[in-house]
Amino acid sequence: MINAPPKPTESRPNVAQPDPLHHVHPIRTYVAVWAALTILTFTTWAVAQIDLGRFNTVIALLIAFFKASLVVWFFMDLRHENPLTKLFALGGLFWLLLLIGLTLADYLTRSWMPGGTLY
C-alpha cells in the first residue's frame, strides 16, 4: 500500500494557517489609518478653537463622519463583508441622518411658534 504525502498542516502542526474567511491587512494600512484618525482628532480640536458660528457643529460632524467611516471601513472590515451586512450598515447611517434631520427641523422651526425662541 502506498502512503499519501502528508498534508501541509501535518508537516508543520504549530504554524497557524491563514483563515480563508478573513482578509488580513498589512500593518502599514493600520498605521496609516491610525495616523489619519490622529490628525483628524487634532483637526477637530483646531476647528473648535476657531469661532465659525453655526458652522463649528457642521464641520465637527463632518470630521466625525469621516473618522467613523475610516473605522468602519478598515478596522471593522466592512469592505470585505457580504452585501447584506453593508445594507444594514447603510441602514444605520440612514437612521442617524434621519434623526439629525428631524432634530435640525425642530431647532430651525422654533421661532415660528409664538412663544418659541431660537437659541
N, C-alpha and C. Protein backbone atom coordinates (compact mmCIF):
# COMPACT_ATOMS: atom_id res chain seq x y z
N MET A 1 0.84 -1.18 0.00
CA MET A 1 0.00 0.00 0.00
C MET A 1 0.89 1.24 0.00
N ILE A 2 0.52 2.20 -0.82
CA ILE A 2 1.30 3.44 -0.95
C ILE A 2 0.70 4.49 -0.03
N ASN A 3 1.58 5.10 0.76
CA ASN A 3 1.13 6.16 1.66
C ASN A 3 1.01 7.49 0.90
N ALA A 4 -0.05 8.22 1.23
CA ALA A 4 -0.25 9.54 0.62
C ALA A 4 0.73 10.53 1.24
N PRO A 5 1.14 11.53 0.47
CA PRO A 5 2.05 12.53 1.04
C PRO A 5 1.34 13.31 2.16
N PRO A 6 2.10 13.77 3.15
CA PRO A 6 1.47 14.49 4.25
C PRO A 6 0.87 15.82 3.80
N LYS A 7 -0.22 16.18 4.42
CA LYS A 7 -0.84 17.47 4.14
C LYS A 7 0.05 18.58 4.70
N PRO A 8 -0.06 19.78 4.15
CA PRO A 8 0.81 20.86 4.64
C PRO A 8 0.65 21.14 6.13
N THR A 9 -0.52 20.96 6.68
CA THR A 9 -0.71 21.22 8.10
C THR A 9 -0.12 20.12 8.96
N GLU A 10 0.01 18.91 8.39
CA GLU A 10 0.58 17.81 9.17
C GLU A 10 2.08 17.94 9.31
N SER A 11 2.75 18.53 8.32
CA SER A 11 4.19 18.63 8.38
C SER A 11 4.64 19.72 9.36
N ARG A 12 3.83 20.74 9.56
CA ARG A 12 4.17 21.81 10.50
C ARG A 12 2.94 22.10 11.36
N PRO A 13 2.71 21.32 12.39
CA PRO A 13 1.46 21.46 13.15
C PRO A 13 1.38 22.72 14.00
N ASN A 14 2.51 23.34 14.36
CA ASN A 14 2.47 24.50 15.24
C ASN A 14 2.37 25.83 14.50
N VAL A 15 2.36 25.81 13.19
CA VAL A 15 2.27 27.03 12.39
C VAL A 15 0.81 27.31 12.09
N ALA A 16 0.38 28.53 12.40
CA ALA A 16 -1.01 28.91 12.16
C ALA A 16 -1.25 29.08 10.66
N GLN A 17 -2.30 28.48 10.19
CA GLN A 17 -2.66 28.59 8.79
C GLN A 17 -3.58 29.79 8.61
N PRO A 18 -3.47 30.50 7.47
CA PRO A 18 -4.35 31.66 7.27
C PRO A 18 -5.81 31.23 7.14
N ASP A 19 -6.68 32.05 7.70
CA ASP A 19 -8.11 31.78 7.65
C ASP A 19 -8.66 32.33 6.34
N PRO A 20 -9.26 31.48 5.50
CA PRO A 20 -9.74 31.98 4.20
C PRO A 20 -10.95 32.90 4.32
N LEU A 21 -11.60 32.95 5.47
CA LEU A 21 -12.79 33.78 5.63
C LEU A 21 -12.47 35.21 6.06
N HIS A 22 -11.25 35.47 6.48
CA HIS A 22 -10.89 36.80 6.96
C HIS A 22 -9.76 37.38 6.11
N HIS A 23 -9.93 38.64 5.77
CA HIS A 23 -8.91 39.32 4.99
C HIS A 23 -7.89 39.94 5.94
N VAL A 24 -6.63 39.77 5.65
CA VAL A 24 -5.57 40.29 6.51
C VAL A 24 -4.95 41.51 5.83
N HIS A 25 -4.96 42.64 6.54
CA HIS A 25 -4.36 43.87 6.02
C HIS A 25 -2.91 43.96 6.45
N PRO A 26 -2.09 44.63 5.67
CA PRO A 26 -0.73 44.86 6.13
C PRO A 26 -0.71 45.87 7.27
N ILE A 27 0.30 45.80 8.08
CA ILE A 27 0.40 46.70 9.24
C ILE A 27 0.48 48.15 8.77
N ARG A 28 1.06 48.38 7.62
CA ARG A 28 1.17 49.74 7.08
C ARG A 28 -0.21 50.39 6.93
N THR A 29 -1.21 49.62 6.54
CA THR A 29 -2.57 50.14 6.40
C THR A 29 -3.11 50.60 7.75
N TYR A 30 -2.93 49.78 8.77
CA TYR A 30 -3.42 50.14 10.10
C TYR A 30 -2.71 51.37 10.65
N VAL A 31 -1.41 51.47 10.40
CA VAL A 31 -0.66 52.64 10.87
C VAL A 31 -1.13 53.89 10.13
N ALA A 32 -1.39 53.78 8.83
CA ALA A 32 -1.87 54.93 8.06
C ALA A 32 -3.25 55.38 8.54
N VAL A 33 -4.12 54.43 8.82
CA VAL A 33 -5.46 54.79 9.32
C VAL A 33 -5.36 55.40 10.71
N TRP A 34 -4.50 54.85 11.55
CA TRP A 34 -4.29 55.43 12.88
C TRP A 34 -3.77 56.87 12.77
N ALA A 35 -2.82 57.09 11.87
CA ALA A 35 -2.28 58.44 11.68
C ALA A 35 -3.36 59.40 11.18
N ALA A 36 -4.19 58.93 10.26
CA ALA A 36 -5.28 59.77 9.76
C ALA A 36 -6.28 60.10 10.87
N LEU A 37 -6.61 59.11 11.70
CA LEU A 37 -7.53 59.37 12.82
C LEU A 37 -6.93 60.35 13.82
N THR A 38 -5.64 60.24 14.07
CA THR A 38 -4.98 61.16 15.00
C THR A 38 -4.96 62.57 14.43
N ILE A 39 -4.64 62.70 13.15
CA ILE A 39 -4.63 64.03 12.52
C ILE A 39 -6.04 64.63 12.52
N LEU A 40 -7.04 63.81 12.24
CA LEU A 40 -8.42 64.32 12.24
C LEU A 40 -8.87 64.71 13.64
N THR A 41 -8.39 64.02 14.66
CA THR A 41 -8.72 64.40 16.03
C THR A 41 -8.15 65.78 16.36
N PHE A 42 -6.90 66.00 16.00
CA PHE A 42 -6.30 67.32 16.22
C PHE A 42 -6.95 68.38 15.34
N THR A 43 -7.40 68.00 14.16
CA THR A 43 -8.12 68.94 13.30
C THR A 43 -9.44 69.35 13.94
N THR A 44 -10.13 68.40 14.54
CA THR A 44 -11.37 68.72 15.25
C THR A 44 -11.11 69.71 16.37
N TRP A 45 -10.04 69.48 17.12
CA TRP A 45 -9.70 70.39 18.21
C TRP A 45 -9.35 71.78 17.66
N ALA A 46 -8.58 71.84 16.57
CA ALA A 46 -8.17 73.12 16.00
C ALA A 46 -9.38 73.89 15.46
N VAL A 47 -10.31 73.20 14.83
CA VAL A 47 -11.51 73.87 14.32
C VAL A 47 -12.37 74.38 15.47
N ALA A 48 -12.39 73.65 16.57
CA ALA A 48 -13.18 74.08 17.73
C ALA A 48 -12.62 75.36 18.35
N GLN A 49 -11.34 75.63 18.15
CA GLN A 49 -10.72 76.84 18.70
C GLN A 49 -11.06 78.08 17.87
N ILE A 50 -11.52 77.89 16.65
CA ILE A 50 -11.87 78.99 15.76
C ILE A 50 -13.37 79.21 15.83
N ASP A 51 -13.78 80.47 15.96
CA ASP A 51 -15.21 80.78 16.03
C ASP A 51 -15.77 80.89 14.61
N LEU A 52 -16.50 79.87 14.20
CA LEU A 52 -17.12 79.86 12.88
C LEU A 52 -18.64 79.98 12.97
N GLY A 53 -19.13 80.32 14.13
CA GLY A 53 -20.57 80.45 14.31
C GLY A 53 -21.26 79.11 14.27
N ARG A 54 -22.30 79.02 13.46
CA ARG A 54 -23.06 77.77 13.35
C ARG A 54 -22.28 76.67 12.64
N PHE A 55 -21.24 77.05 11.90
CA PHE A 55 -20.52 76.05 11.11
C PHE A 55 -19.56 75.21 11.94
N ASN A 56 -19.32 75.59 13.20
CA ASN A 56 -18.47 74.76 14.05
C ASN A 56 -19.06 73.36 14.20
N THR A 57 -20.35 73.29 14.46
CA THR A 57 -21.01 72.00 14.62
C THR A 57 -21.01 71.21 13.32
N VAL A 58 -21.27 71.89 12.22
CA VAL A 58 -21.32 71.22 10.92
C VAL A 58 -19.95 70.61 10.58
N ILE A 59 -18.89 71.39 10.77
CA ILE A 59 -17.55 70.89 10.46
C ILE A 59 -17.16 69.76 11.40
N ALA A 60 -17.51 69.89 12.69
CA ALA A 60 -17.20 68.82 13.64
C ALA A 60 -17.93 67.53 13.27
N LEU A 61 -19.18 67.64 12.83
CA LEU A 61 -19.91 66.44 12.41
C LEU A 61 -19.34 65.83 11.15
N LEU A 62 -18.89 66.66 10.22
CA LEU A 62 -18.27 66.13 9.00
C LEU A 62 -16.97 65.39 9.31
N ILE A 63 -16.16 65.95 10.19
CA ILE A 63 -14.92 65.27 10.57
C ILE A 63 -15.23 63.98 11.32
N ALA A 64 -16.22 64.02 12.20
CA ALA A 64 -16.61 62.81 12.93
C ALA A 64 -17.15 61.74 11.98
N PHE A 65 -17.90 62.14 10.98
CA PHE A 65 -18.41 61.19 9.99
C PHE A 65 -17.25 60.54 9.23
N PHE A 66 -16.27 61.33 8.85
CA PHE A 66 -15.12 60.79 8.12
C PHE A 66 -14.32 59.83 9.01
N LYS A 67 -14.13 60.19 10.28
CA LYS A 67 -13.41 59.30 11.20
C LYS A 67 -14.17 58.00 11.41
N ALA A 68 -15.48 58.09 11.58
CA ALA A 68 -16.29 56.88 11.76
C ALA A 68 -16.25 56.00 10.52
N SER A 69 -16.26 56.62 9.35
CA SER A 69 -16.20 55.82 8.12
C SER A 69 -14.85 55.11 7.98
N LEU A 70 -13.76 55.75 8.42
CA LEU A 70 -12.46 55.07 8.42
C LEU A 70 -12.47 53.86 9.35
N VAL A 71 -13.05 54.02 10.52
CA VAL A 71 -13.10 52.91 11.48
C VAL A 71 -13.95 51.76 10.93
N VAL A 72 -15.10 52.09 10.37
CA VAL A 72 -15.98 51.04 9.84
C VAL A 72 -15.35 50.37 8.62
N TRP A 73 -14.73 51.14 7.76
CA TRP A 73 -14.20 50.59 6.51
C TRP A 73 -12.97 49.72 6.73
N PHE A 74 -12.05 50.17 7.63
CA PHE A 74 -10.80 49.44 7.80
C PHE A 74 -10.80 48.53 9.04
N PHE A 75 -11.11 49.08 10.22
CA PHE A 75 -10.99 48.28 11.43
C PHE A 75 -12.12 47.26 11.56
N MET A 76 -13.32 47.63 11.15
CA MET A 76 -14.43 46.67 11.19
C MET A 76 -14.50 45.85 9.91
N ASP A 77 -13.67 46.19 8.92
CA ASP A 77 -13.51 45.44 7.68
C ASP A 77 -14.81 45.30 6.90
N LEU A 78 -15.58 46.38 6.83
CA LEU A 78 -16.87 46.33 6.15
C LEU A 78 -16.71 46.15 4.64
N ARG A 79 -15.60 46.58 4.09
CA ARG A 79 -15.45 46.49 2.64
C ARG A 79 -15.31 45.06 2.15
N HIS A 80 -15.01 44.12 3.04
CA HIS A 80 -14.88 42.72 2.65
C HIS A 80 -16.07 41.88 3.15
N GLU A 81 -17.12 42.54 3.60
CA GLU A 81 -18.30 41.81 4.09
C GLU A 81 -19.28 41.57 2.96
N ASN A 82 -20.29 40.77 3.26
CA ASN A 82 -21.29 40.48 2.24
C ASN A 82 -22.25 41.67 2.08
N PRO A 83 -23.02 41.71 1.00
CA PRO A 83 -23.88 42.86 0.73
C PRO A 83 -24.96 43.10 1.80
N LEU A 84 -25.43 42.05 2.47
CA LEU A 84 -26.44 42.24 3.50
C LEU A 84 -25.88 43.01 4.69
N THR A 85 -24.66 42.73 5.06
CA THR A 85 -24.03 43.47 6.16
C THR A 85 -23.84 44.93 5.78
N LYS A 86 -23.44 45.19 4.54
CA LYS A 86 -23.29 46.57 4.06
C LYS A 86 -24.63 47.28 4.06
N LEU A 87 -25.69 46.57 3.70
CA LEU A 87 -27.02 47.16 3.69
C LEU A 87 -27.45 47.58 5.09
N PHE A 88 -27.18 46.74 6.07
CA PHE A 88 -27.54 47.09 7.45
C PHE A 88 -26.70 48.25 7.97
N ALA A 89 -25.44 48.33 7.57
CA ALA A 89 -24.61 49.47 7.96
C ALA A 89 -25.15 50.76 7.34
N LEU A 90 -25.55 50.70 6.09
CA LEU A 90 -26.15 51.87 5.45
C LEU A 90 -27.50 52.22 6.07
N GLY A 91 -28.23 51.21 6.52
CA GLY A 91 -29.49 51.47 7.22
C GLY A 91 -29.26 52.22 8.52
N GLY A 92 -28.21 51.87 9.24
CA GLY A 92 -27.87 52.60 10.46
C GLY A 92 -27.47 54.04 10.16
N LEU A 93 -26.72 54.23 9.08
CA LEU A 93 -26.35 55.59 8.67
C LEU A 93 -27.57 56.39 8.26
N PHE A 94 -28.48 55.77 7.54
CA PHE A 94 -29.73 56.45 7.16
C PHE A 94 -30.52 56.85 8.40
N TRP A 95 -30.60 55.98 9.38
CA TRP A 95 -31.32 56.27 10.61
C TRP A 95 -30.69 57.46 11.35
N LEU A 96 -29.37 57.50 11.40
CA LEU A 96 -28.68 58.60 12.04
C LEU A 96 -28.96 59.92 11.31
N LEU A 97 -28.90 59.90 9.99
CA LEU A 97 -29.19 61.11 9.22
C LEU A 97 -30.64 61.55 9.40
N LEU A 98 -31.55 60.61 9.51
CA LEU A 98 -32.94 60.94 9.75
C LEU A 98 -33.12 61.62 11.11
N LEU A 99 -32.48 61.09 12.13
CA LEU A 99 -32.60 61.70 13.46
C LEU A 99 -31.96 63.09 13.51
N ILE A 100 -30.82 63.25 12.86
CA ILE A 100 -30.19 64.58 12.82
C ILE A 100 -31.07 65.55 12.03
N GLY A 101 -31.65 65.10 10.93
CA GLY A 101 -32.53 65.96 10.13
C GLY A 101 -33.77 66.39 10.90
N LEU A 102 -34.38 65.47 11.62
CA LEU A 102 -35.57 65.83 12.40
C LEU A 102 -35.22 66.77 13.56
N THR A 103 -34.08 66.55 14.18
CA THR A 103 -33.65 67.46 15.25
C THR A 103 -33.37 68.84 14.68
N LEU A 104 -32.73 68.91 13.52
CA LEU A 104 -32.47 70.19 12.88
C LEU A 104 -33.76 70.88 12.48
N ALA A 105 -34.73 70.13 11.99
CA ALA A 105 -36.03 70.71 11.62
C ALA A 105 -36.73 71.30 12.84
N ASP A 106 -36.65 70.60 13.98
CA ASP A 106 -37.24 71.13 15.21
C ASP A 106 -36.53 72.40 15.65
N TYR A 107 -35.22 72.40 15.59
CA TYR A 107 -34.44 73.54 16.06
C TYR A 107 -34.67 74.77 15.18
N LEU A 108 -34.75 74.57 13.88
CA LEU A 108 -34.90 75.70 12.97
C LEU A 108 -36.31 76.26 12.92
N THR A 109 -37.31 75.51 13.34
CA THR A 109 -38.69 75.99 13.28
C THR A 109 -39.21 76.46 14.63
N ARG A 110 -38.38 76.57 15.64
CA ARG A 110 -38.85 77.02 16.94
C ARG A 110 -39.31 78.47 16.92
N SER A 111 -38.72 79.29 16.08
CA SER A 111 -39.11 80.70 16.05
C SER A 111 -40.46 80.92 15.38
N TRP A 112 -41.03 79.91 14.75
CA TRP A 112 -42.32 80.04 14.11
C TRP A 112 -43.46 80.09 15.12
N MET A 113 -43.26 79.48 16.28
CA MET A 113 -44.30 79.46 17.31
C MET A 113 -44.28 80.78 18.08
N PRO A 114 -45.43 81.20 18.65
CA PRO A 114 -45.47 82.49 19.34
C PRO A 114 -44.53 82.56 20.55
N GLY A 115 -44.37 81.48 21.31
CA GLY A 115 -43.52 81.53 22.49
C GLY A 115 -42.14 80.95 22.26
N GLY A 116 -41.84 80.54 21.05
CA GLY A 116 -40.56 79.89 20.77
C GLY A 116 -39.43 80.88 20.60
N THR A 117 -38.26 80.46 20.94
CA THR A 117 -37.07 81.28 20.73
C THR A 117 -36.03 80.43 20.02
N LEU A 118 -35.24 81.07 19.20
CA LEU A 118 -34.15 80.39 18.50
C LEU A 118 -32.86 80.68 19.21
N TYR A 119 -32.32 79.68 19.87
CA TYR A 119 -31.11 79.88 20.67
C TYR A 119 -29.88 79.89 19.82
